[in-house]
Protein backbone atom coordinates (compact mmCIF):
# COMPACT_ATOMS: atom_id res chain seq x y z
CA UNK A 1 0.00 0.00 0.00
CA UNK A 2 1.28 3.43 -0.93
CA UNK A 3 1.59 5.64 2.12
CA UNK A 4 2.61 8.99 0.56
CA UNK A 5 1.73 11.28 -2.34
CA UNK A 6 4.12 11.40 -5.26
CA UNK A 7 5.98 14.59 -6.23
CA UNK A 8 3.37 15.60 -8.85
CA UNK A 9 0.49 15.24 -6.39
CA UNK A 10 2.43 17.10 -3.72
CA UNK A 11 3.14 19.98 -6.12
CA UNK A 12 -0.57 20.19 -7.05
CA UNK A 13 -1.65 20.34 -3.39
CA UNK A 14 0.87 23.10 -2.66
CA UNK A 15 -0.28 24.97 -5.79
CA UNK A 16 -3.88 24.80 -4.49
CA UNK A 17 -2.80 26.47 -1.25
CA UNK A 18 -2.24 23.59 1.16
CA UNK A 19 0.65 23.98 3.57
CA UNK A 20 3.76 22.12 2.41
CA UNK A 21 4.43 19.01 4.41
CA UNK A 22 7.64 18.95 6.39
CA UNK A 23 7.48 15.44 7.75
CA UNK A 24 8.59 13.11 4.95
CA UNK A 25 11.47 14.24 2.73
CA UNK A 26 12.25 12.68 -0.64
CA UNK A 27 14.99 13.37 -3.16
CA UNK A 28 13.83 15.62 -6.01
CA UNK A 29 17.17 16.08 -7.74
CA UNK A 30 20.76 15.16 -6.96
CA UNK A 31 20.99 17.13 -3.73
CA UNK A 32 17.61 18.85 -3.53
CA UNK A 33 14.92 17.64 -1.12
CA UNK A 34 11.19 17.94 -1.57
CA UNK A 35 8.38 16.84 0.73
CA UNK A 36 5.36 14.63 0.41
CA UNK A 37 2.05 14.12 2.26
CA UNK A 38 1.05 11.01 4.21
CA UNK A 39 -2.38 9.34 4.35
CA UNK A 40 -2.91 10.91 7.78
CA UNK A 41 -2.08 14.39 6.52
CA UNK A 42 -4.58 14.03 3.67
CA UNK A 43 -7.28 12.89 6.10
CA UNK A 44 -6.56 16.02 8.17
CA UNK A 45 -7.14 18.16 5.03
CA UNK A 46 -10.77 17.02 4.82
CA UNK A 47 -12.99 19.77 6.22
CA UNK A 48 -14.32 19.42 9.75
CA UNK A 49 -17.85 20.47 8.75
CA UNK A 50 -18.16 17.45 6.47
CA UNK A 51 -19.38 14.00 7.34
CA UNK A 52 -16.58 11.74 6.11
CA UNK A 53 -16.53 8.07 5.29
CA UNK A 54 -13.55 6.09 4.12
CA UNK A 55 -14.33 2.55 3.06
CA UNK A 56 -12.86 -0.39 1.25
CA UNK A 57 -15.13 -2.04 -1.32
CA UNK A 58 -14.03 -5.66 -1.49
CA UNK A 59 -15.92 -6.47 -4.70
CA UNK A 60 -14.07 -3.70 -6.53
CA UNK A 61 -10.87 -4.21 -4.52
CA UNK A 62 -10.69 -0.45 -4.14
CA UNK A 63 -10.97 2.41 -1.63
CA UNK A 64 -13.56 5.18 -1.83
CA UNK A 65 -13.80 8.38 0.20
CA UNK A 66 -17.21 10.01 0.64
CA UNK A 67 -17.71 13.54 1.93
CA UNK A 68 -21.21 14.78 2.73
CA UNK A 69 -21.24 18.57 2.92
CA UNK A 70 -23.60 19.77 5.60
CA UNK A 71 -24.35 23.04 3.84
CA UNK A 72 -27.35 24.64 2.16
CA UNK A 73 -27.57 22.17 -0.70
CA UNK A 74 -26.48 19.09 1.32
CA UNK A 75 -24.19 17.93 -1.47
CA UNK A 76 -22.45 14.60 -1.37
CA UNK A 77 -19.03 14.29 -3.01
CA UNK A 78 -18.13 10.72 -3.83
CA UNK A 79 -14.48 9.98 -4.26
CA UNK A 80 -13.37 7.88 -7.16
CA UNK A 81 -12.58 4.24 -6.62
CA UNK A 82 -8.84 3.58 -6.35
CA UNK A 83 -6.82 0.56 -5.32
CA UNK A 84 -4.67 2.87 -3.19
CA UNK A 85 -6.21 4.79 -0.29
CA UNK A 86 -3.83 7.71 -0.86
CA UNK A 87 -5.14 8.08 -4.43
CA UNK A 88 -8.80 8.10 -3.31
CA UNK A 89 -8.04 10.74 -0.67
CA UNK A 90 -6.07 12.87 -3.13
CA UNK A 91 -8.86 12.86 -5.77
CA UNK A 92 -11.50 13.70 -3.15
CA UNK A 93 -9.45 16.60 -1.76
CA UNK A 94 -8.90 18.00 -5.27
CA UNK A 95 -12.67 17.77 -5.99
CA UNK A 96 -13.56 19.49 -2.71
CA UNK A 97 -11.01 22.25 -3.31
CA UNK A 98 -12.23 22.86 -6.89
CA UNK A 99 -15.85 23.04 -5.65
CA UNK A 100 -14.87 25.57 -2.97
CA UNK A 101 -15.74 23.28 -0.08
CA UNK A 102 -12.20 23.59 1.33
């Protein structure tokens, strides 16, 4: 199981305004270090005013992250199915950010 975002995902999250992670360094170039996000850090990015559900669907052999927004329209954002939990969290966070939920 992947535990961390890759460099492209990390760059996208920073570009969208999320604080750069300082916990897990990785080598970007010969002597340059970059940072990545863990599963726990992505879970912490989900908004507090949202009912969250992370589940594993055995028949699809994939993870899905659901986020029910408790706002005016009561929207439900369903994460895409991914074999890796980190991927499902990443896609859900991007969707929520693009929709202005976070």
